[in-house]
Amino acid sequence: MPECHSTNTKALELCQQPNTPEGTLVITNQQTSGRGQRGNTWESRPGMNLTFSVILKPVFLLVKDQFLLNVITSLAVHDYLSETCKAPIHIKWPNDILVNEFKICGILIENQLMGDRFTNVVVGIGFNVNQREFSWGSATSLASVTNRTYDLQEVLEGLLSNLEARYVQLRQGHAHILKADYLRHLYRINEIHTFSADHNQFEGKIIGVDEYGRLRISTAGQEKIFGIKEISFVN
């Protein structure tokens, strides 16, 4: 689509049509109201980056295991970046991708359910490719990291190839491998840092993610568990 408000919104609309197949891709050069985690927006200049959504139908997956969809998507982007640049790459919980500690990619996954099973999943990805200037200082792009310009179609194909490989891995029942890979690349795991929760700051250490995708933090001699909207990184 030359322009749309949000590729996720369009993909969710397509999910209402019974003949929309798994693997359907919605992509635009200009997303005017891109949505991110925690109700944030996604900044992307027209024609310089990738903003797209993929429709999956993981009927084999239980709803309680939905965080594995974040895992495979984050790992797919990490896999692609590992092939493309040599800078430090991390997955910032739950599913932002950082290069040199700057955000290069955001992921938004939205689910449609029937009982304890998925009917449709929309995986939305905003990936900074050729844009070099951002209104917020915590962002970067592939071009900024490697000092070269990229063909968007080639980058898209690389990302989709890695996403398919990780999705097949999930479908084949290799959740334990996926979880281990996710934790190995998790930003600031096993390091002491400052966090904010319930309007209070505290020092703690990320020690993992529980079966529901909540962040496990060791602080003051005990383990605490936080959901997506319950905690934020301070420094």
Protein backbone atom coordinates (compact mmCIF):
# COMPACT_ATOMS: atom_id res chain seq x y z
CA MET A 1 0.00 0.00 0.00
CA PRO A 2 1.48 3.44 -0.91
CA GLU A 3 0.16 4.83 2.40
CA CYS A 4 -1.89 3.64 5.36
CA HIS A 5 -2.53 4.54 8.98
CA SER A 6 -1.12 1.29 10.39
CA THR A 7 -0.15 -1.96 8.68
CA ASN A 8 -1.26 -3.86 11.80
CA THR A 9 -4.72 -2.32 11.59
CA LYS A 10 -5.01 -3.23 7.90
CA ALA A 11 -3.78 -6.77 8.57
CA LEU A 12 -6.35 -7.21 11.34
CA GLU A 13 -9.03 -6.12 8.88
CA LEU A 14 -7.81 -8.72 6.38
CA CYS A 15 -8.03 -11.37 9.10
CA GLN A 16 -11.81 -10.91 9.06
CA GLN A 17 -11.89 -12.22 5.50
CA PRO A 18 -12.07 -16.05 5.57
CA ASN A 19 -9.79 -16.58 2.57
CA THR A 20 -6.82 -14.51 3.77
CA PRO A 21 -3.94 -17.02 3.87
CA GLU A 22 -1.23 -17.39 6.48
CA GLY A 23 1.86 -15.48 5.43
CA THR A 24 -0.07 -12.52 4.01
CA LEU A 25 2.16 -9.43 4.09
CA VAL A 26 0.92 -5.86 4.48
CA ILE A 27 3.58 -3.27 3.74
CA THR A 28 3.58 0.47 3.10
CA ASN A 29 6.04 3.21 2.18
CA GLN A 30 4.30 5.66 4.48
CA GLN A 31 2.64 4.70 7.75
CA THR A 32 0.87 7.73 9.17
CA SER A 33 -0.18 6.36 12.57
CA GLY A 34 2.17 3.50 13.36
CA ARG A 35 1.53 1.87 16.72
CA GLY A 36 4.06 0.51 19.20
CA GLN A 37 4.18 -1.18 22.58
CA ARG A 38 2.64 0.62 25.61
CA GLY A 39 0.53 2.80 23.28
CA ASN A 40 3.58 4.52 21.78
CA THR A 41 3.83 5.70 18.17
CA TRP A 42 6.48 4.67 15.64
CA GLU A 43 8.39 7.34 13.70
CA SER A 44 9.40 6.49 10.15
CA ARG A 45 10.14 8.77 7.21
CA PRO A 46 8.41 7.80 3.93
CA GLY A 47 10.35 5.42 1.69
CA MET A 48 13.38 5.12 3.96
CA ASN A 49 12.50 2.27 6.33
CA LEU A 50 10.39 -0.87 6.56
CA THR A 51 6.97 -0.85 8.18
CA PHE A 52 5.09 -4.09 7.62
CA SER A 53 2.86 -6.71 9.19
CA VAL A 54 2.65 -10.46 8.63
CA ILE A 55 -0.42 -12.60 9.29
CA LEU A 56 0.27 -15.92 11.02
CA LYS A 57 -2.16 -18.66 12.01
CA PRO A 58 -0.40 -20.61 14.78
CA VAL A 59 -3.29 -22.94 15.58
CA PHE A 60 -0.75 -25.36 17.08
CA LEU A 61 0.15 -22.90 19.86
CA LEU A 62 -1.68 -22.55 23.17
CA VAL A 63 -2.65 -19.04 24.25
CA LYS A 64 -0.62 -19.41 27.46
CA ASP A 65 2.49 -19.72 25.26
CA GLN A 66 1.85 -16.52 23.31
CA PHE A 67 5.12 -14.90 24.41
CA LEU A 68 6.88 -17.37 22.12
CA LEU A 69 5.57 -15.26 19.23
CA ASN A 70 7.53 -12.31 20.63
CA VAL A 71 10.51 -14.61 21.00
CA ILE A 72 10.57 -15.84 17.40
CA THR A 73 10.03 -12.36 15.96
CA SER A 74 12.74 -10.78 18.10
CA LEU A 75 15.14 -13.59 17.24
CA ALA A 76 14.37 -13.28 13.51
CA VAL A 77 15.36 -9.61 13.53
CA HIS A 78 18.39 -10.38 15.68
CA ASP A 79 19.41 -13.13 13.25
CA TYR A 80 19.19 -10.78 10.29
CA LEU A 81 21.21 -8.05 12.02
CA SER A 82 23.85 -10.56 13.07
CA GLU A 83 24.33 -11.40 9.40
CA THR A 84 24.43 -7.74 8.37
CA CYS A 85 26.47 -5.79 10.92
CA LYS A 86 29.16 -6.54 13.49
CA ALA A 87 27.98 -4.14 16.21
CA PRO A 88 26.58 -5.40 19.56
CA ILE A 89 22.94 -6.47 19.08
CA HIS A 90 20.51 -7.14 21.93
CA ILE A 91 16.84 -7.87 22.50
CA LYS A 92 15.45 -5.40 25.02
CA TRP A 93 12.57 -7.04 26.85
CA PRO A 94 9.98 -7.63 25.70
CA ASN A 95 10.79 -7.12 22.00
CA ASP A 96 12.74 -4.02 21.04
CA ILE A 97 15.94 -4.63 19.10
CA LEU A 98 18.99 -2.56 20.00
CA VAL A 99 22.24 -2.03 18.13
CA ASN A 100 24.97 -0.29 20.13
CA GLU A 101 22.20 0.21 22.76
CA PHE A 102 20.13 2.31 20.31
CA LYS A 103 16.71 1.14 19.10
CA ILE A 104 16.68 -0.04 15.50
CA CYS A 105 13.47 -2.06 15.48
CA GLY A 106 10.15 -2.20 17.28
CA ILE A 107 7.70 -5.09 17.27
CA LEU A 108 3.96 -5.11 17.97
CA ILE A 109 2.10 -8.43 18.03
CA GLU A 110 -1.70 -8.54 18.16
CA ASN A 111 -3.71 -11.72 18.59
CA GLN A 112 -7.17 -12.99 17.73
CA LEU A 113 -8.32 -15.94 19.83
CA MET A 114 -10.94 -18.64 19.96
CA GLY A 115 -10.99 -20.44 23.29
CA ASP A 116 -7.46 -21.41 24.25
CA ARG A 117 -6.18 -21.29 20.66
CA PHE A 118 -5.10 -18.61 18.21
CA THR A 119 -7.07 -17.96 15.05
CA ASN A 120 -4.90 -15.11 13.72
CA VAL A 121 -1.76 -13.33 14.81
CA VAL A 122 -0.52 -10.08 13.30
CA VAL A 123 3.21 -9.50 13.65
CA GLY A 124 4.01 -5.83 13.09
CA ILE A 125 7.62 -4.74 12.53
CA GLY A 126 9.07 -1.27 12.22
CA PHE A 127 12.69 -1.53 11.10
CA ASN A 128 14.93 1.52 10.60
CA VAL A 129 16.93 1.04 7.42
CA ASN A 130 18.09 4.19 5.60
CA GLN A 131 16.87 7.01 7.84
CA ARG A 132 19.80 8.70 9.61
CA GLU A 133 18.14 11.48 11.58
CA PHE A 134 15.47 10.94 14.26
CA SER A 135 13.50 13.26 16.49
CA TRP A 136 14.38 11.10 19.49
CA GLY A 137 17.99 10.43 20.38
CA SER A 138 17.67 6.77 21.33
CA ALA A 139 17.09 5.56 17.74
CA THR A 140 19.46 4.29 15.08
CA SER A 141 19.25 2.59 11.68
CA LEU A 142 21.08 0.06 9.57
CA ALA A 143 22.54 2.86 7.45
CA SER A 144 23.76 4.72 10.53
CA VAL A 145 25.44 1.62 11.94
CA THR A 146 27.16 0.45 8.74
CA ASN A 147 27.49 3.77 6.86
CA ARG A 148 25.89 2.45 3.68
CA THR A 149 22.51 2.59 1.96
CA TYR A 150 20.33 -0.50 1.57
CA ASP A 151 17.80 -1.80 -0.92
CA LEU A 152 14.57 -2.07 1.08
CA GLN A 153 13.33 -5.10 -0.86
CA GLU A 154 16.50 -7.04 -0.08
CA VAL A 155 16.28 -6.17 3.61
CA LEU A 156 12.61 -7.18 3.67
CA GLU A 157 13.37 -10.55 2.08
CA GLY A 158 16.14 -11.16 4.59
CA LEU A 159 13.89 -10.38 7.54
CA LEU A 160 11.04 -12.52 6.22
CA SER A 161 13.37 -15.44 5.54
CA ASN A 162 14.59 -15.37 9.13
CA LEU A 163 11.07 -14.99 10.48
CA GLU A 164 9.93 -18.03 8.52
CA ALA A 165 12.88 -20.08 9.81
CA ARG A 166 12.12 -19.19 13.44
CA TYR A 167 8.38 -19.82 12.93
CA VAL A 168 9.11 -23.29 11.53
CA GLN A 169 11.34 -23.92 14.55
CA LEU A 170 8.40 -23.04 16.83
CA ARG A 171 5.97 -25.17 14.84
CA GLN A 172 8.34 -28.13 15.12
CA GLY A 173 8.22 -27.92 18.91
CA HIS A 174 11.64 -26.44 19.66
CA ALA A 175 10.43 -23.92 22.23
CA HIS A 176 13.29 -24.71 24.61
CA ILE A 177 15.87 -23.78 21.97
CA LEU A 178 14.04 -20.56 21.15
CA LYS A 179 13.83 -19.55 24.82
CA ALA A 180 17.52 -20.25 25.34
CA ASP A 181 18.45 -18.16 22.28
CA TYR A 182 16.22 -15.32 23.48
CA LEU A 183 17.83 -15.25 26.93
CA ARG A 184 21.32 -15.41 25.46
CA HIS A 185 20.68 -12.17 23.57
CA LEU A 186 18.60 -10.43 26.26
CA TYR A 187 19.69 -6.87 27.02
CA ARG A 188 21.32 -6.41 30.44
CA ILE A 189 20.68 -9.94 31.64
CA ASN A 190 22.65 -10.76 34.82
CA GLU A 191 23.75 -7.12 35.23
CA ILE A 192 22.89 -4.73 38.07
CA HIS A 193 20.83 -1.77 36.80
CA THR A 194 18.15 0.68 37.95
CA PHE A 195 14.48 0.08 37.19
CA SER A 196 11.23 1.89 37.94
CA ALA A 197 8.01 0.24 39.13
CA ASP A 198 5.03 1.61 41.08
CA HIS A 199 6.60 5.08 40.93
CA ASN A 200 9.68 3.83 42.79
CA GLN A 201 13.20 3.23 41.56
CA PHE A 202 15.24 0.23 42.63
CA GLU A 203 18.38 -1.66 41.71
CA GLY A 204 18.04 -5.17 40.41
CA LYS A 205 19.34 -7.81 38.04
CA ILE A 206 17.41 -9.40 35.18
CA ILE A 207 17.65 -13.16 35.67
CA GLY A 208 15.25 -14.34 32.98
CA VAL A 209 11.69 -14.45 31.70
CA ASP A 210 8.93 -16.67 33.09
CA GLU A 211 6.67 -18.97 31.05
CA TYR A 212 4.23 -16.11 30.41
CA GLY A 213 6.92 -13.73 29.17
CA ARG A 214 7.10 -11.64 32.34
CA LEU A 215 10.46 -10.23 33.38
CA ARG A 216 12.19 -11.91 36.32
CA ILE A 217 14.34 -9.55 38.40
CA SER A 218 16.43 -10.30 41.45
CA THR A 219 16.39 -7.39 43.89
CA ALA A 220 17.12 -7.04 47.61
CA GLY A 221 17.63 -10.78 47.96
CA GLN A 222 14.35 -11.81 46.37
CA GLU A 223 12.89 -12.44 42.93
CA LYS A 224 10.13 -10.21 41.57
CA ILE A 225 8.12 -10.67 38.38
CA PHE A 226 6.85 -7.84 36.18
CA GLY A 227 4.49 -7.59 33.22
CA ILE A 228 5.02 -5.34 30.20
CA LYS A 229 3.36 -2.22 31.64
CA GLU A 230 4.59 -2.73 35.18
CA ILE A 231 8.27 -1.83 34.88
CA SER A 232 10.61 0.41 32.91
CA PHE A 233 14.36 0.69 32.48
CA VAL A 234 15.99 3.74 34.12
CA ASN A 235 19.71 3.26 33.43
